[in-house]
Amino acid sequence: MKKILEFIDIKQQEFAQVPLMKFLEDKTIDPSQRLAFAPCVAPFAMNFGDLNKYILREEPAKNEIQKIVNQHTYEDENHWMWFLEDLVTLNLDPSQKFSDSLRFMWGEETKKTRACCNTLIAICISQVEPIQKLVIVEAIEATGNVILSRTAQVAKELQQITQKQYHYFGEHHFAVETGHTRGEFNIEPFLETLELNQQQTQESLELVKAVFKAFTEATEEMLEFALSRQIK
């Protein structure tokens, strides 16, 4: 497992260099503009709760690894509530017809984010062993750490202007996610002792690649959306 964790770290460093992260880091751009991609996150934010509750979770847990996965799912299943709150706080919650909302959610502007969700669901369903689910969880958390560390800084800048709190994109979410699941309860030494056979190792490496590829493509769409919207 140590080899897999090291590979996740490498992919995480690569993910930190994608254009969206550079956009979020650019303080010459108004913080509201840097978070203008928020509506595109909707498919992921709303699907992530179901991914945790109905696919990753397995009760009763058949071993300690599944218990770790389950604990993670309980902690992350309701983060979508923070997302909805932030849409309102960011003034990105316009009144519109339900049909228009559906058209956006399943339209061209969110197709890569939907594809990311579908990829995560597909690879999670295909894995029956808890160790593989844990690998997926670790990879997802690695991408989240990169994104949220940037959005938290942007939200902090915006908060100084608006005097408003941002729970999903701000420090609150980032603080909750920091340490999941590797750093939680000093669990990293335990993870590093887990032994995978050659087949499990190769499959795990492919799972990690799939997760990062899906998120990277989703960030391309989010950046394009942010650049096409002028926040007043």
Protein backbone atom coordinates (compact mmCIF):
# COMPACT_ATOMS: atom_id res chain seq x y z
CA MET A 1 0.00 0.00 0.00
CA LYS A 2 2.93 2.33 0.63
CA LYS A 3 3.69 2.28 -3.09
CA ILE A 4 0.11 3.30 -3.86
CA LEU A 5 0.16 6.14 -1.33
CA GLU A 6 3.40 7.43 -2.83
CA PHE A 7 1.85 7.29 -6.31
CA ILE A 8 -1.17 9.25 -5.06
CA ASP A 9 1.20 11.90 -3.73
CA ILE A 10 2.85 12.17 -7.15
CA LYS A 11 -0.50 12.50 -8.93
CA GLN A 12 -1.59 15.06 -6.35
CA GLN A 13 1.44 17.21 -7.12
CA GLU A 14 0.64 16.99 -10.83
CA PHE A 15 -2.99 17.90 -10.17
CA ALA A 16 -1.87 21.01 -8.30
CA GLN A 17 -0.45 22.32 -11.58
CA VAL A 18 -3.64 22.17 -13.66
CA PRO A 19 -4.83 25.55 -15.05
CA LEU A 20 -7.80 25.87 -12.67
CA MET A 21 -5.45 25.82 -9.67
CA LYS A 22 -3.32 28.56 -11.20
CA PHE A 23 -6.50 30.55 -11.84
CA LEU A 24 -7.56 30.17 -8.20
CA GLU A 25 -4.11 31.28 -7.03
CA ASP A 26 -4.12 34.44 -9.17
CA LYS A 27 -4.81 37.30 -6.75
CA THR A 28 -5.00 39.81 -9.58
CA ILE A 29 -8.42 38.32 -10.36
CA ASP A 30 -11.39 39.27 -8.19
CA PRO A 31 -12.13 36.46 -5.70
CA SER A 32 -15.78 36.32 -6.76
CA GLN A 33 -14.65 35.74 -10.33
CA ARG A 34 -12.32 32.95 -9.24
CA LEU A 35 -15.25 31.14 -7.63
CA ALA A 36 -17.59 31.74 -10.56
CA PHE A 37 -17.25 28.08 -11.54
CA ALA A 38 -19.20 27.02 -8.43
CA PRO A 39 -22.43 26.09 -10.29
CA CYS A 40 -20.45 23.56 -12.33
CA VAL A 41 -19.59 21.72 -9.13
CA ALA A 42 -23.28 20.88 -8.60
CA PRO A 43 -23.27 17.41 -10.22
CA PHE A 44 -20.31 16.34 -8.09
CA ALA A 45 -21.42 17.97 -4.85
CA MET A 46 -24.88 16.43 -5.06
CA ASN A 47 -23.73 13.00 -6.26
CA PHE A 48 -20.95 12.68 -3.70
CA GLY A 49 -23.39 12.12 -0.85
CA ASP A 50 -24.98 9.18 -2.66
CA LEU A 51 -21.57 7.77 -3.58
CA ASN A 52 -20.71 7.68 0.10
CA LYS A 53 -24.05 6.41 1.39
CA TYR A 54 -24.97 3.82 -1.18
CA ILE A 55 -21.80 2.66 -2.93
CA LEU A 56 -18.69 3.07 -0.78
CA ARG A 57 -20.40 2.21 2.51
CA GLU A 58 -20.95 -1.40 3.50
CA GLU A 59 -22.70 -2.23 6.75
CA PRO A 60 -21.85 -4.28 8.63
CA ALA A 61 -18.18 -3.83 7.75
CA LYS A 62 -16.44 -7.11 7.05
CA ASN A 63 -12.99 -5.93 8.14
CA GLU A 64 -11.02 -3.01 9.56
CA ILE A 65 -10.39 -1.50 6.15
CA GLN A 66 -14.10 -1.30 5.38
CA LYS A 67 -14.61 0.29 8.80
CA ILE A 68 -12.19 3.05 7.76
CA VAL A 69 -14.06 3.52 4.50
CA ASN A 70 -17.40 3.59 6.33
CA GLN A 71 -16.19 6.20 8.81
CA HIS A 72 -15.16 8.39 5.90
CA THR A 73 -18.58 8.02 4.25
CA TYR A 74 -20.42 9.14 7.36
CA GLU A 75 -18.22 12.22 7.62
CA ASP A 76 -18.66 13.22 3.97
CA GLU A 77 -22.24 12.29 3.10
CA ASN A 78 -23.82 15.66 3.87
CA HIS A 79 -21.29 18.14 2.51
CA TRP A 80 -23.72 18.99 -0.27
CA MET A 81 -25.65 21.08 2.27
CA TRP A 82 -22.66 23.41 2.59
CA PHE A 83 -22.52 23.65 -1.19
CA LEU A 84 -26.13 24.83 -1.42
CA GLU A 85 -25.49 27.40 1.30
CA ASP A 86 -22.47 28.76 -0.57
CA LEU A 87 -24.40 29.14 -3.81
CA VAL A 88 -26.72 31.51 -1.99
CA THR A 89 -23.91 33.36 -0.21
CA LEU A 90 -21.99 33.75 -3.48
CA ASN A 91 -25.09 35.20 -5.19
CA LEU A 92 -25.04 32.30 -7.63
CA ASP A 93 -28.56 31.13 -6.82
CA PRO A 94 -30.84 32.93 -9.30
CA SER A 95 -34.53 32.17 -9.52
CA GLN A 96 -35.28 30.23 -12.68
CA LYS A 97 -37.63 27.62 -14.06
CA PHE A 98 -37.04 24.05 -12.94
CA SER A 99 -36.63 23.03 -16.57
CA ASP A 100 -33.80 25.55 -16.96
CA SER A 101 -32.07 24.13 -13.90
CA LEU A 102 -32.31 20.63 -15.35
CA ARG A 103 -31.07 21.89 -18.70
CA PHE A 104 -27.96 23.27 -16.98
CA MET A 105 -27.39 20.20 -14.81
CA TRP A 106 -27.51 17.88 -17.82
CA GLY A 107 -26.19 20.32 -20.41
CA GLU A 108 -22.89 20.88 -22.17
CA GLU A 109 -21.50 23.13 -19.44
CA THR A 110 -21.43 20.32 -16.87
CA LYS A 111 -20.86 17.24 -19.01
CA LYS A 112 -17.26 16.66 -17.86
CA THR A 113 -18.23 17.00 -14.22
CA ARG A 114 -21.06 14.52 -14.77
CA ALA A 115 -18.58 12.23 -16.50
CA CYS A 116 -16.32 12.52 -13.46
CA CYS A 117 -19.21 11.44 -11.22
CA ASN A 118 -20.05 8.54 -13.52
CA THR A 119 -16.43 7.41 -13.53
CA LEU A 120 -16.27 7.44 -9.75
CA ILE A 121 -19.52 5.51 -9.46
CA ALA A 122 -18.43 2.96 -12.06
CA ILE A 123 -15.04 2.23 -10.53
CA CYS A 124 -16.49 2.08 -7.01
CA ILE A 125 -19.20 -0.37 -8.05
CA SER A 126 -16.64 -2.53 -9.84
CA GLN A 127 -14.57 -2.93 -6.67
CA VAL A 128 -15.88 -5.40 -4.13
CA GLU A 129 -12.77 -5.47 -1.95
CA PRO A 130 -12.49 -2.80 0.76
CA ILE A 131 -8.80 -2.24 0.04
CA GLN A 132 -9.63 -1.05 -3.48
CA LYS A 133 -12.39 1.20 -2.16
CA LEU A 134 -9.89 2.69 0.26
CA VAL A 135 -7.52 3.43 -2.61
CA ILE A 136 -10.31 5.28 -4.41
CA VAL A 137 -11.16 7.22 -1.25
CA GLU A 138 -7.52 8.24 -0.82
CA ALA A 139 -7.29 9.42 -4.42
CA ILE A 140 -10.51 11.43 -4.17
CA GLU A 141 -9.35 13.02 -0.93
CA ALA A 142 -6.05 13.96 -2.55
CA THR A 143 -7.84 15.88 -5.30
CA GLY A 144 -10.11 17.50 -2.74
CA ASN A 145 -7.16 18.66 -0.68
CA VAL A 146 -5.66 20.40 -3.71
CA ILE A 147 -8.88 22.13 -4.74
CA LEU A 148 -10.11 23.09 -1.29
CA SER A 149 -6.75 24.48 -0.18
CA ARG A 150 -7.06 26.94 -3.08
CA THR A 151 -10.75 27.76 -2.74
CA ALA A 152 -10.32 28.26 1.01
CA GLN A 153 -7.79 30.99 0.36
CA VAL A 154 -10.05 32.62 -2.23
CA ALA A 155 -13.01 32.42 0.17
CA LYS A 156 -10.88 34.03 2.87
CA GLU A 157 -10.13 36.96 0.54
CA LEU A 158 -13.80 37.24 -0.35
CA GLN A 159 -14.87 37.09 3.28
CA GLN A 160 -12.76 40.16 4.02
CA ILE A 161 -14.84 42.00 1.43
CA THR A 162 -18.31 40.62 2.10
CA GLN A 163 -18.05 39.69 5.79
CA LYS A 164 -19.81 36.43 4.92
CA GLN A 165 -18.89 32.83 5.71
CA TYR A 166 -18.35 30.25 2.96
CA HIS A 167 -18.65 26.71 4.30
CA TYR A 168 -18.15 24.50 1.23
CA PHE A 169 -15.47 26.48 -0.56
CA GLY A 170 -13.96 27.99 2.59
CA GLU A 171 -11.81 27.02 5.53
CA HIS A 172 -14.58 25.01 7.19
CA HIS A 173 -14.69 22.32 4.50
CA PHE A 174 -10.92 22.35 4.03
CA ALA A 175 -10.36 21.87 7.76
CA VAL A 176 -12.77 18.93 7.84
CA GLU A 177 -11.13 17.29 4.84
CA THR A 178 -7.53 17.85 5.90
CA GLY A 179 -6.15 14.57 7.11
CA HIS A 180 -8.84 12.38 5.56
CA THR A 181 -8.30 9.61 5.76
CA ARG A 182 -4.58 9.10 5.98
CA GLY A 183 -3.86 11.58 8.71
CA GLU A 184 -6.93 10.77 10.74
CA PHE A 185 -6.37 9.02 14.06
CA ASN A 186 -2.70 8.54 13.10
CA ILE A 187 -3.81 5.94 10.59
CA GLU A 188 -1.05 6.38 8.01
CA PRO A 189 1.31 3.87 9.66
CA PHE A 190 -1.49 1.30 9.52
CA LEU A 191 -2.16 2.00 5.85
CA GLU A 192 1.51 1.63 4.98
CA THR A 193 1.61 -1.82 6.56
CA LEU A 194 -1.17 -3.12 4.32
CA GLU A 195 0.20 -5.55 1.78
CA LEU A 196 -1.14 -5.83 -1.76
CA ASN A 197 -0.27 -8.57 -4.19
CA GLN A 198 0.99 -7.74 -7.67
CA GLN A 199 -2.46 -7.79 -9.25
CA GLN A 200 -3.96 -5.61 -6.51
CA THR A 201 -1.10 -3.16 -6.84
CA GLN A 202 -1.52 -2.81 -10.59
CA GLU A 203 -5.28 -2.48 -10.30
CA SER A 204 -4.88 0.14 -7.58
CA LEU A 205 -2.49 2.19 -9.70
CA GLU A 206 -5.03 2.16 -12.52
CA LEU A 207 -7.79 3.25 -10.14
CA VAL A 208 -5.70 6.19 -8.98
CA LYS A 209 -5.00 7.20 -12.58
CA ALA A 210 -8.72 7.02 -13.40
CA VAL A 211 -9.69 9.23 -10.46
CA PHE A 212 -7.15 11.93 -11.25
CA LYS A 213 -7.95 11.85 -14.96
CA ALA A 214 -11.65 12.33 -14.26
CA PHE A 215 -11.08 15.26 -11.93
CA THR A 216 -8.53 16.88 -14.22
CA GLU A 217 -11.01 16.87 -17.09
CA ALA A 218 -13.72 18.29 -14.82
CA THR A 219 -11.46 21.18 -13.81
CA GLU A 220 -10.99 22.08 -17.48
CA GLU A 221 -14.73 22.56 -17.78
CA MET A 222 -14.94 24.55 -14.55
CA LEU A 223 -12.22 26.94 -15.65
CA GLU A 224 -13.88 27.45 -19.02
CA PHE A 225 -17.15 28.27 -17.25
CA ALA A 226 -15.49 30.75 -14.87
CA LEU A 227 -13.73 32.53 -17.72
CA SER A 228 -16.97 32.83 -19.68
CA ARG A 229 -18.90 34.46 -16.83
CA GLN A 230 -18.44 38.05 -15.77
CA ILE A 231 -19.27 38.43 -12.09
CA LYS A 232 -20.52 41.90 -11.22
